[in-house]
């Protein structure tokens, strides 16, 4: 995870362009790297009382990215996610991960 900086991607969908706009305003928000892969899993942001807003990822999309981009099996992707992604506290700007109840 790293501080946000807009990746150089051509032909980004309108949703992602608006995502870049609000990410610019979220100074403390952290994002998954490489952005070229993981920005596709962003589904919005979370507002919290007296805390900075954070980026929200769809956990199923994150798992699918690990499988596709890194050649992991489903089990390997979940293990990696559990330890290295959701298990990596990077401070108040650490992103959150939404389980949509489909797993």
PDB file of N, CA and C in Angstrom:
ATOM      1  N   UNK A   1       0.837  -1.165   0.000  1.00  0.00           N
ATOM      2  CA  UNK A   1       0.000   0.000   0.000  1.00  0.00           C
ATOM      3  C   UNK A   1       0.884   1.231   0.000  1.00  0.00           C
ATOM      4  N   UNK A   2       0.392   2.220  -0.680  1.00  0.00           N
ATOM      5  CA  UNK A   2       1.200   3.410  -0.829  1.00  0.00           C
ATOM      6  C   UNK A   2       0.295   4.623  -0.934  1.00  0.00           C
ATOM      7  N   UNK A   3       0.888   5.793  -0.702  1.00  0.00           N
ATOM      8  CA  UNK A   3       0.143   7.029  -0.917  1.00  0.00           C
ATOM      9  C   UNK A   3      -0.313   7.048  -2.362  1.00  0.00           C
ATOM     10  N   UNK A   4      -1.449   7.678  -2.592  1.00  0.00           N
ATOM     11  CA  UNK A   4      -2.012   7.676  -3.933  1.00  0.00           C
ATOM     12  C   UNK A   4      -1.234   8.579  -4.884  1.00  0.00           C
ATOM     13  N   UNK A   5      -1.093   8.134  -6.081  1.00  0.00           N
ATOM     14  CA  UNK A   5      -0.646   8.969  -7.180  1.00  0.00           C
ATOM     15  C   UNK A   5      -1.309   8.370  -8.404  1.00  0.00           C
ATOM     16  N   UNK A   6      -1.905   9.217  -9.172  1.00  0.00           N
ATOM     17  CA  UNK A   6      -2.718   8.754 -10.281  1.00  0.00           C
ATOM     18  C   UNK A   6      -1.865   8.021 -11.313  1.00  0.00           C
ATOM     19  N   UNK A   7      -2.239   6.780 -11.641  1.00  0.00           N
ATOM     20  CA  UNK A   7      -1.481   6.046 -12.648  1.00  0.00           C
ATOM     21  C   UNK A   7      -1.764   6.602 -14.039  1.00  0.00           C
ATOM     22  N   UNK A   8      -0.883   6.321 -14.943  1.00  0.00           N
ATOM     23  CA  UNK A   8      -1.076   6.758 -16.312  1.00  0.00           C
ATOM     24  C   UNK A   8      -1.799   5.655 -17.060  1.00  0.00           C
ATOM     25  N   UNK A   9      -3.112   5.769 -17.088  1.00  0.00           N
ATOM     26  CA  UNK A   9      -3.949   4.774 -17.755  1.00  0.00           C
ATOM     27  C   UNK A   9      -4.761   5.496 -18.812  1.00  0.00           C
ATOM     28  N   UNK A  10      -4.768   4.939 -19.999  1.00  0.00           N
ATOM     29  CA  UNK A  10      -5.549   5.542 -21.084  1.00  0.00           C
ATOM     30  C   UNK A  10      -6.970   4.983 -21.049  1.00  0.00           C
ATOM     31  N   UNK A  11      -7.907   5.792 -21.466  1.00  0.00           N
ATOM     32  CA  UNK A  11      -9.307   5.376 -21.597  1.00  0.00           C
ATOM     33  C   UNK A  11      -9.881   4.817 -20.297  1.00  0.00           C
ATOM     34  N   UNK A  12      -9.734   5.548 -19.207  1.00  0.00           N
ATOM     35  CA  UNK A  12     -10.309   5.092 -17.941  1.00  0.00           C
ATOM     36  C   UNK A  12     -11.815   5.330 -17.953  1.00  0.00           C
ATOM     37  N   UNK A  13     -12.595   4.415 -17.356  1.00  0.00           N
ATOM     38  CA  UNK A  13     -14.040   4.619 -17.284  1.00  0.00           C
ATOM     39  C   UNK A  13     -14.371   5.878 -16.492  1.00  0.00           C
ATOM     40  N   UNK A  14     -15.559   6.422 -16.718  1.00  0.00           N
ATOM     41  CA  UNK A  14     -15.981   7.646 -16.036  1.00  0.00           C
ATOM     42  C   UNK A  14     -15.934   7.475 -14.525  1.00  0.00           C
ATOM     43  N   UNK A  15     -16.341   6.305 -14.015  1.00  0.00           N
ATOM     44  CA  UNK A  15     -16.306   6.079 -12.566  1.00  0.00           C
ATOM     45  C   UNK A  15     -14.885   6.238 -12.034  1.00  0.00           C
ATOM     46  N   UNK A  16     -13.908   5.691 -12.738  1.00  0.00           N
ATOM     47  CA  UNK A  16     -12.529   5.771 -12.257  1.00  0.00           C
ATOM     48  C   UNK A  16     -12.027   7.208 -12.322  1.00  0.00           C
ATOM     49  N   UNK A  17     -12.447   7.996 -13.290  1.00  0.00           N
ATOM     50  CA  UNK A  17     -12.024   9.389 -13.337  1.00  0.00           C
ATOM     51  C   UNK A  17     -12.557  10.138 -12.131  1.00  0.00           C
ATOM     52  N   UNK A  18     -13.821   9.885 -11.768  1.00  0.00           N
ATOM     53  CA  UNK A  18     -14.360  10.538 -10.573  1.00  0.00           C
ATOM     54  C   UNK A  18     -13.659  10.012  -9.327  1.00  0.00           C
ATOM     55  N   UNK A  19     -13.255   8.754  -9.358  1.00  0.00           N
ATOM     56  CA  UNK A  19     -12.495   8.159  -8.256  1.00  0.00           C
ATOM     57  C   UNK A  19     -11.178   8.905  -8.079  1.00  0.00           C
ATOM     58  N   UNK A  20     -10.486   9.184  -9.157  1.00  0.00           N
ATOM     59  CA  UNK A  20      -9.227   9.924  -9.071  1.00  0.00           C
ATOM     60  C   UNK A  20      -9.461  11.308  -8.484  1.00  0.00           C
ATOM     61  N   UNK A  21     -10.593  11.913  -8.845  1.00  0.00           N
ATOM     62  CA  UNK A  21     -10.897  13.245  -8.336  1.00  0.00           C
ATOM     63  C   UNK A  21     -11.047  13.230  -6.819  1.00  0.00           C
ATOM     64  N   UNK A  22     -11.832  12.290  -6.261  1.00  0.00           N
ATOM     65  CA  UNK A  22     -11.988  12.288  -4.813  1.00  0.00           C
ATOM     66  C   UNK A  22     -10.789  11.742  -4.089  1.00  0.00           C
ATOM     67  N   UNK A  23     -10.002  10.906  -4.743  1.00  0.00           N
ATOM     68  CA  UNK A  23      -8.765  10.435  -4.103  1.00  0.00           C
ATOM     69  C   UNK A  23      -7.808  11.596  -3.859  1.00  0.00           C
ATOM     70  N   UNK A  24      -7.810  12.562  -4.771  1.00  0.00           N
ATOM     71  CA  UNK A  24      -6.947  13.731  -4.614  1.00  0.00           C
ATOM     72  C   UNK A  24      -7.278  14.505  -3.344  1.00  0.00           C
ATOM     73  N   UNK A  25      -8.549  14.487  -2.951  1.00  0.00           N
ATOM     74  CA  UNK A  25      -8.983  15.209  -1.764  1.00  0.00           C
ATOM     75  C   UNK A  25      -8.718  14.428  -0.474  1.00  0.00           C
ATOM     76  N   UNK A  26      -8.465  13.149  -0.583  1.00  0.00           N
ATOM     77  CA  UNK A  26      -8.258  12.295   0.586  1.00  0.00           C
ATOM     78  C   UNK A  26      -6.756  12.173   0.850  1.00  0.00           C
ATOM     79  N   UNK A  27      -6.209  13.163   1.508  1.00  0.00           N
ATOM     80  CA  UNK A  27      -4.767  13.274   1.678  1.00  0.00           C
ATOM     81  C   UNK A  27      -4.130  12.085   2.389  1.00  0.00           C
ATOM     82  N   UNK A  28      -4.807  11.504   3.359  1.00  0.00           N
ATOM     83  CA  UNK A  28      -4.222  10.416   4.146  1.00  0.00           C
ATOM     84  C   UNK A  28      -4.575   9.029   3.633  1.00  0.00           C
ATOM     85  N   UNK A  29      -5.380   8.962   2.586  1.00  0.00           N
ATOM     86  CA  UNK A  29      -5.825   7.662   2.082  1.00  0.00           C
ATOM     87  C   UNK A  29      -4.674   6.905   1.425  1.00  0.00           C
ATOM     88  N   UNK A  30      -4.614   5.614   1.703  1.00  0.00           N
ATOM     89  CA  UNK A  30      -3.627   4.739   1.087  1.00  0.00           C
ATOM     90  C   UNK A  30      -4.325   3.855   0.066  1.00  0.00           C
ATOM     91  N   UNK A  31      -3.595   3.472  -0.973  1.00  0.00           N
ATOM     92  CA  UNK A  31      -4.148   2.626  -2.025  1.00  0.00           C
ATOM     93  C   UNK A  31      -3.235   1.433  -2.257  1.00  0.00           C
ATOM     94  N   UNK A  32      -3.815   0.371  -2.822  1.00  0.00           N
ATOM     95  CA  UNK A  32      -3.032  -0.814  -3.153  1.00  0.00           C
ATOM     96  C   UNK A  32      -2.206  -0.554  -4.401  1.00  0.00           C
ATOM     97  N   UNK A  33      -1.023  -1.096  -4.410  1.00  0.00           N
ATOM     98  CA  UNK A  33      -0.123  -0.971  -5.559  1.00  0.00           C
ATOM     99  C   UNK A  33       0.117  -2.348  -6.164  1.00  0.00           C
ATOM    100  N   UNK A  34       0.313  -2.422  -7.456  1.00  0.00           N
ATOM    101  CA  UNK A  34       0.330  -1.339  -8.433  1.00  0.00           C
ATOM    102  C   UNK A  34      -1.087  -0.870  -8.763  1.00  0.00           C
ATOM    103  N   UNK A  35      -1.244   0.431  -8.867  1.00  0.00           N
ATOM    104  CA  UNK A  35      -2.556   1.026  -9.119  1.00  0.00           C
ATOM    105  C   UNK A  35      -3.168   0.532 -10.426  1.00  0.00           C
ATOM    106  N   UNK A  36      -2.340   0.271 -11.417  1.00  0.00           N
ATOM    107  CA  UNK A  36      -2.845  -0.179 -12.714  1.00  0.00           C
ATOM    108  C   UNK A  36      -3.662  -1.454 -12.577  1.00  0.00           C
ATOM    109  N   UNK A  37      -3.355  -2.268 -11.589  1.00  0.00           N
ATOM    110  CA  UNK A  37      -4.097  -3.510 -11.357  1.00  0.00           C
ATOM    111  C   UNK A  37      -5.243  -3.296 -10.367  1.00  0.00           C
ATOM    112  N   UNK A  38      -4.964  -2.674  -9.242  1.00  0.00           N
ATOM    113  CA  UNK A  38      -5.914  -2.665  -8.139  1.00  0.00           C
ATOM    114  C   UNK A  38      -6.948  -1.548  -8.177  1.00  0.00           C
ATOM    115  N   UNK A  39      -6.744  -0.513  -8.966  1.00  0.00           N
ATOM    116  CA  UNK A  39      -7.763   0.527  -9.053  1.00  0.00           C
ATOM    117  C   UNK A  39      -9.085  -0.047  -9.567  1.00  0.00           C
ATOM    118  N   UNK A  40      -9.022  -1.129 -10.337  1.00  0.00           N
ATOM    119  CA  UNK A  40     -10.232  -1.768 -10.852  1.00  0.00           C
ATOM    120  C   UNK A  40     -11.094  -2.347  -9.734  1.00  0.00           C
ATOM    121  N   UNK A  41     -10.515  -2.544  -8.569  1.00  0.00           N
ATOM    122  CA  UNK A  41     -11.247  -3.136  -7.443  1.00  0.00           C
ATOM    123  C   UNK A  41     -11.821  -2.084  -6.497  1.00  0.00           C
ATOM    124  N   UNK A  42     -11.538  -0.802  -6.744  1.00  0.00           N
ATOM    125  CA  UNK A  42     -12.085   0.260  -5.886  1.00  0.00           C
ATOM    126  C   UNK A  42     -13.579   0.392  -6.156  1.00  0.00           C
ATOM    127  N   UNK A  43     -14.358   0.400  -5.073  1.00  0.00           N
ATOM    128  CA  UNK A  43     -15.808   0.545  -5.229  1.00  0.00           C
ATOM    129  C   UNK A  43     -16.334   1.810  -4.568  1.00  0.00           C
ATOM    130  N   UNK A  44     -15.469   2.563  -3.917  1.00  0.00           N
ATOM    131  CA  UNK A  44     -15.889   3.804  -3.296  1.00  0.00           C
ATOM    132  C   UNK A  44     -14.979   4.181  -2.151  1.00  0.00           C
ATOM    133  N   UNK A  45     -15.516   4.985  -1.251  1.00  0.00           N
ATOM    134  CA  UNK A  45     -14.757   5.377  -0.078  1.00  0.00           C
ATOM    135  C   UNK A  45     -15.671   5.326   1.132  1.00  0.00           C
ATOM    136  N   UNK A  46     -15.077   5.310   2.304  1.00  0.00           N
ATOM    137  CA  UNK A  46     -15.802   5.212   3.567  1.00  0.00           C
ATOM    138  C   UNK A  46     -15.599   6.498   4.356  1.00  0.00           C
ATOM    139  N   UNK A  47     -16.697   7.069   4.816  1.00  0.00           N
ATOM    140  CA  UNK A  47     -16.640   8.223   5.709  1.00  0.00           C
ATOM    141  C   UNK A  47     -16.745   7.711   7.140  1.00  0.00           C
ATOM    142  N   UNK A  48     -15.898   8.250   8.003  1.00  0.00           N
ATOM    143  CA  UNK A  48     -15.906   7.829   9.402  1.00  0.00           C
ATOM    144  C   UNK A  48     -15.894   9.062  10.287  1.00  0.00           C
ATOM    145  N   UNK A  49     -16.582   8.986  11.402  1.00  0.00           N
ATOM    146  CA  UNK A  49     -16.669  10.098  12.329  1.00  0.00           C
ATOM    147  C   UNK A  49     -15.302  10.430  12.928  1.00  0.00           C
ATOM    148  N   UNK A  50     -14.886  11.677  12.764  1.00  0.00           N
ATOM    149  CA  UNK A  50     -13.628  12.175  13.337  1.00  0.00           C
ATOM    150  C   UNK A  50     -12.393  11.385  12.909  1.00  0.00           C
ATOM    151  N   UNK A  51     -12.463  10.754  11.750  1.00  0.00           N
ATOM    152  CA  UNK A  51     -11.330  10.026  11.185  1.00  0.00           C
ATOM    153  C   UNK A  51     -11.279  10.341   9.691  1.00  0.00           C
ATOM    154  N   UNK A  52     -10.109  10.162   9.081  1.00  0.00           N
ATOM    155  CA  UNK A  52     -10.030  10.443   7.640  1.00  0.00           C
ATOM    156  C   UNK A  52     -10.837   9.436   6.825  1.00  0.00           C
ATOM    157  N   UNK A  53     -11.335   9.896   5.673  1.00  0.00           N
ATOM    158  CA  UNK A  53     -11.992   8.979   4.739  1.00  0.00           C
ATOM    159  C   UNK A  53     -10.968   7.982   4.221  1.00  0.00           C
ATOM    160  N   UNK A  54     -11.439   6.777   3.906  1.00  0.00           N
ATOM    161  CA  UNK A  54     -10.544   5.740   3.385  1.00  0.00           C
ATOM    162  C   UNK A  54     -11.135   5.113   2.122  1.00  0.00           C
ATOM    163  N   UNK A  55     -10.265   4.549   1.311  1.00  0.00           N
ATOM    164  CA  UNK A  55     -10.652   3.867   0.079  1.00  0.00           C
ATOM    165  C   UNK A  55     -11.257   2.511   0.439  1.00  0.00           C
ATOM    166  N   UNK A  56     -12.282   2.119  -0.318  1.00  0.00           N
ATOM    167  CA  UNK A  56     -12.924   0.822  -0.107  1.00  0.00           C
ATOM    168  C   UNK A  56     -12.768  -0.034  -1.368  1.00  0.00           C
ATOM    169  N   UNK A  57     -12.285  -1.250  -1.173  1.00  0.00           N
ATOM    170  CA  UNK A  57     -12.082  -2.203  -2.265  1.00  0.00           C
ATOM    171  C   UNK A  57     -13.089  -3.340  -2.155  1.00  0.00           C
ATOM    172  N   UNK A  58     -13.465  -3.895  -3.290  1.00  0.00           N
ATOM    173  CA  UNK A  58     -14.276  -5.107  -3.346  1.00  0.00           C
ATOM    174  C   UNK A  58     -13.316  -6.286  -3.170  1.00  0.00           C
ATOM    175  N   UNK A  59     -13.466  -7.025  -2.084  1.00  0.00           N
ATOM    176  CA  UNK A  59     -12.519  -8.097  -1.772  1.00  0.00           C
ATOM    177  C   UNK A  59     -12.507  -9.179  -2.852  1.00  0.00           C
ATOM    178  N   UNK A  60     -13.657  -9.468  -3.450  1.00  0.00           N
ATOM    179  CA  UNK A  60     -13.699 -10.495  -4.506  1.00  0.00           C
ATOM    180  C   UNK A  60     -12.848 -10.058  -5.701  1.00  0.00           C
ATOM    181  N   UNK A  61     -12.923  -8.771  -6.042  1.00  0.00           N
ATOM    182  CA  UNK A  61     -12.121  -8.266  -7.162  1.00  0.00           C
ATOM    183  C   UNK A  61     -10.637  -8.305  -6.827  1.00  0.00           C
ATOM    184  N   UNK A  62     -10.280  -8.013  -5.583  1.00  0.00           N
ATOM    185  CA  UNK A  62      -8.874  -8.082  -5.160  1.00  0.00           C
ATOM    186  C   UNK A  62      -8.364  -9.514  -5.290  1.00  0.00           C
ATOM    187  N   UNK A  63      -9.153 -10.473  -4.823  1.00  0.00           N
ATOM    188  CA  UNK A  63      -8.764 -11.889  -4.925  1.00  0.00           C
ATOM    189  C   UNK A  63      -8.591 -12.278  -6.392  1.00  0.00           C
ATOM    190  N   UNK A  64      -9.527 -11.876  -7.233  1.00  0.00           N
ATOM    191  CA  UNK A  64      -9.434 -12.198  -8.664  1.00  0.00           C
ATOM    192  C   UNK A  64      -8.195 -11.590  -9.303  1.00  0.00           C
ATOM    193  N   UNK A  65      -7.807 -10.397  -8.867  1.00  0.00           N
ATOM    194  CA  UNK A  65      -6.587  -9.765  -9.392  1.00  0.00           C
ATOM    195  C   UNK A  65      -5.355 -10.564  -8.978  1.00  0.00           C
ATOM    196  N   UNK A  66      -5.303 -11.006  -7.728  1.00  0.00           N
ATOM    197  CA  UNK A  66      -4.176 -11.855  -7.303  1.00  0.00           C
ATOM    198  C   UNK A  66      -4.100 -13.108  -8.162  1.00  0.00           C
ATOM    199  N   UNK A  67      -5.230 -13.713  -8.429  1.00  0.00           N
ATOM    200  CA  UNK A  67      -5.248 -14.940  -9.226  1.00  0.00           C
ATOM    201  C   UNK A  67      -4.797 -14.681 -10.660  1.00  0.00           C
ATOM    202  N   UNK A  68      -5.328 -13.635 -11.263  1.00  0.00           N
ATOM    203  CA  UNK A  68      -5.014 -13.352 -12.665  1.00  0.00           C
ATOM    204  C   UNK A  68      -3.597 -12.817 -12.851  1.00  0.00           C
ATOM    205  N   UNK A  69      -3.241 -11.818 -12.069  1.00  0.00           N
ATOM    206  CA  UNK A  69      -1.967 -11.130 -12.273  1.00  0.00           C
ATOM    207  C   UNK A  69      -0.773 -11.879 -11.691  1.00  0.00           C
ATOM    208  N   UNK A  70      -0.994 -12.604 -10.603  1.00  0.00           N
ATOM    209  CA  UNK A  70       0.118 -13.288  -9.929  1.00  0.00           C
ATOM    210  C   UNK A  70       0.065 -14.799 -10.063  1.00  0.00           C
ATOM    211  N   UNK A  71      -0.928 -15.312 -10.769  1.00  0.00           N
ATOM    212  CA  UNK A  71      -1.020 -16.747 -11.009  1.00  0.00           C
ATOM    213  C   UNK A  71      -1.313 -17.569  -9.763  1.00  0.00           C
ATOM    214  N   UNK A  72      -1.958 -16.963  -8.779  1.00  0.00           N
ATOM    215  CA  UNK A  72      -2.267 -17.684  -7.538  1.00  0.00           C
ATOM    216  C   UNK A  72      -3.523 -18.523  -7.705  1.00  0.00           C
ATOM    217  N   UNK A  73      -3.598 -19.582  -6.919  1.00  0.00           N
ATOM    218  CA  UNK A  73      -4.845 -20.330  -6.821  1.00  0.00           C
ATOM    219  C   UNK A  73      -5.788 -19.545  -5.917  1.00  0.00           C
ATOM    220  N   UNK A  74      -7.036 -19.971  -5.843  1.00  0.00           N
ATOM    221  CA  UNK A  74      -8.005 -19.326  -4.955  1.00  0.00           C
ATOM    222  C   UNK A  74      -7.501 -19.351  -3.508  1.00  0.00           C
ATOM    223  N   UNK A  75      -7.026 -20.498  -3.076  1.00  0.00           N
ATOM    224  CA  UNK A  75      -6.539 -20.639  -1.702  1.00  0.00           C
ATOM    225  C   UNK A  75      -5.310 -19.754  -1.450  1.00  0.00           C
ATOM    226  N   UNK A  76      -4.373 -19.742  -2.391  1.00  0.00           N
ATOM    227  CA  UNK A  76      -3.180 -18.901  -2.248  1.00  0.00           C
ATOM    228  C   UNK A  76      -3.555 -17.421  -2.197  1.00  0.00           C
ATOM    229  N   UNK A  77      -4.507 -17.031  -3.034  1.00  0.00           N
ATOM    230  CA  UNK A  77      -4.926 -15.631  -3.074  1.00  0.00           C
ATOM    231  C   UNK A  77      -5.547 -15.210  -1.744  1.00  0.00           C
ATOM    232  N   UNK A  78      -6.389 -16.056  -1.159  1.00  0.00           N
ATOM    233  CA  UNK A  78      -6.997 -15.733   0.136  1.00  0.00           C
ATOM    234  C   UNK A  78      -5.955 -15.688   1.249  1.00  0.00           C
ATOM    235  N   UNK A  79      -5.014 -16.606   1.210  1.00  0.00           N
ATOM    236  CA  UNK A  79      -3.958 -16.600   2.232  1.00  0.00           C
ATOM    237  C   UNK A  79      -3.116 -15.326   2.112  1.00  0.00           C
ATOM    238  N   UNK A  80      -2.735 -14.971   0.895  1.00  0.00           N
ATOM    239  CA  UNK A  80      -1.938 -13.756   0.680  1.00  0.00           C
ATOM    240  C   UNK A  80      -2.720 -12.526   1.128  1.00  0.00           C
ATOM    241  N   UNK A  81      -3.987 -12.462   0.727  1.00  0.00           N
ATOM    242  CA  UNK A  81      -4.844 -11.340   1.109  1.00  0.00           C
ATOM    243  C   UNK A  81      -4.941 -11.225   2.626  1.00  0.00           C
ATOM    244  N   UNK A  82      -5.173 -12.340   3.304  1.00  0.00           N
ATOM    245  CA  UNK A  82      -5.349 -12.336   4.759  1.00  0.00           C
ATOM    246  C   UNK A  82      -4.112 -11.821   5.485  1.00  0.00           C
ATOM    247  N   UNK A  83      -2.964 -12.233   5.038  1.00  0.00           N
ATOM    248  CA  UNK A  83      -1.730 -11.868   5.738  1.00  0.00           C
ATOM    249  C   UNK A  83      -1.153 -10.538   5.263  1.00  0.00           C
ATOM    250  N   UNK A  84      -1.090 -10.330   3.956  1.00  0.00           N
ATOM    251  CA  UNK A  84      -0.354  -9.188   3.397  1.00  0.00           C
ATOM    252  C   UNK A  84      -1.202  -7.980   3.018  1.00  0.00           C
ATOM    253  N   UNK A  85      -2.493  -8.158   2.912  1.00  0.00           N
ATOM    254  CA  UNK A  85      -3.326  -7.045   2.467  1.00  0.00           C
ATOM    255  C   UNK A  85      -4.206  -6.570   3.608  1.00  0.00           C
ATOM    256  N   UNK A  86      -5.210  -7.344   3.954  1.00  0.00           N
ATOM    257  CA  UNK A  86      -6.094  -6.923   5.041  1.00  0.00           C
ATOM    258  C   UNK A  86      -5.355  -6.942   6.380  1.00  0.00           C
ATOM    259  N   UNK A  87      -4.326  -7.748   6.485  1.00  0.00           N
ATOM    260  CA  UNK A  87      -3.547  -7.834   7.716  1.00  0.00           C
ATOM    261  C   UNK A  87      -2.456  -6.786   7.846  1.00  0.00           C
ATOM    262  N   UNK A  88      -2.348  -5.888   6.879  1.00  0.00           N
ATOM    263  CA  UNK A  88      -1.287  -4.872   6.896  1.00  0.00           C
ATOM    264  C   UNK A  88      -1.849  -3.534   7.355  1.00  0.00           C
ATOM    265  N   UNK A  89      -1.763  -3.245   8.627  1.00  0.00           N
ATOM    266  CA  UNK A  89      -2.216  -1.958   9.155  1.00  0.00           C
ATOM    267  C   UNK A  89      -1.149  -0.924   8.850  1.00  0.00           C
ATOM    268  N   UNK A  90      -1.532   0.112   8.101  1.00  0.00           N
ATOM    269  CA  UNK A  90      -0.584   1.150   7.701  1.00  0.00           C
ATOM    270  C   UNK A  90      -0.950   2.512   8.285  1.00  0.00           C
ATOM    271  N   UNK A  91      -1.807   2.505   9.299  1.00  0.00           N
ATOM    272  CA  UNK A  91      -2.239   3.748   9.912  1.00  0.00           C
ATOM    273  C   UNK A  91      -3.682   4.055   9.574  1.00  0.00           C
ATOM    274  N   UNK A  92      -4.120   5.244   9.951  1.00  0.00           N
ATOM    275  CA  UNK A  92      -5.530   5.614   9.788  1.00  0.00           C
ATOM    276  C   UNK A  92      -6.002   5.643   8.341  1.00  0.00           C
ATOM    277  N   UNK A  93      -5.095   5.761   7.382  1.00  0.00           N
ATOM    278  CA  UNK A  93      -5.482   5.784   5.971  1.00  0.00           C
ATOM    279  C   UNK A  93      -5.547   4.419   5.329  1.00  0.00           C
ATOM    280  N   UNK A  94      -5.352   3.353   6.124  1.00  0.00           N
ATOM    281  CA  UNK A  94      -5.402   1.992   5.591  1.00  0.00           C
ATOM    282  C   UNK A  94      -6.774   1.747   4.961  1.00  0.00           C
ATOM    283  N   UNK A  95      -6.810   1.215   3.737  1.00  0.00           N
ATOM    284  CA  UNK A  95      -8.098   0.987   3.080  1.00  0.00           C
ATOM    285  C   UNK A  95      -8.908  -0.113   3.759  1.00  0.00           C
ATOM    286  N   UNK A  96     -10.191  -0.169   3.398  1.00  0.00           N
ATOM    287  CA  UNK A  96     -11.055  -1.240   3.888  1.00  0.00           C
ATOM    288  C   UNK A  96     -11.456  -2.119   2.705  1.00  0.00           C
ATOM    289  N   UNK A  97     -12.005  -3.283   3.039  1.00  0.00           N
ATOM    290  CA  UNK A  97     -12.326  -4.286   2.023  1.00  0.00           C
ATOM    291  C   UNK A  97     -13.734  -4.803   2.275  1.00  0.00           C
ATOM    292  N   UNK A  98     -14.604  -4.646   1.280  1.00  0.00           N
ATOM    293  CA  UNK A  98     -16.002  -5.033   1.405  1.00  0.00           C
ATOM    294  C   UNK A  98     -16.223  -6.446   0.917  1.00  0.00           C
ATOM    295  N   UNK A  99     -16.833  -7.257   1.776  1.00  0.00           N
ATOM    296  CA  UNK A  99     -17.319  -8.577   1.390  1.00  0.00           C
ATOM    297  C   UNK A  99     -18.797  -8.393   1.056  1.00  0.00           C
ATOM    298  N   UNK A 100     -19.170  -8.705  -0.141  1.00  0.00           N
ATOM    299  CA  UNK A 100     -20.546  -8.476  -0.579  1.00  0.00           C
ATOM    300  C   UNK A 100     -21.490  -9.604  -0.196  1.00  0.00           C
ATOM    301  N   UNK A 101     -21.039 -10.573   0.571  1.00  0.00           N
ATOM    302  CA  UNK A 101     -21.896 -11.663   0.989  1.00  0.00           C
ATOM    303  C   UNK A 101     -22.090 -12.722  -0.080  1.00  0.00           C
ATOM    304  N   UNK A 102     -21.231 -12.715  -1.088  1.00  0.00           N
ATOM    305  CA  UNK A 102     -21.346 -13.667  -2.190  1.00  0.00           C
ATOM    306  C   UNK A 102     -20.418 -14.856  -2.039  1.00  0.00           C
ATOM    307  N   UNK A 103     -19.440 -14.766  -1.128  1.00  0.00           N
ATOM    308  CA  UNK A 103     -18.490 -15.866  -0.969  1.00  0.00           C
ATOM    309  C   UNK A 103     -19.093 -16.951  -0.119  1.00  0.00           C
TER     310      UNK A 103
END
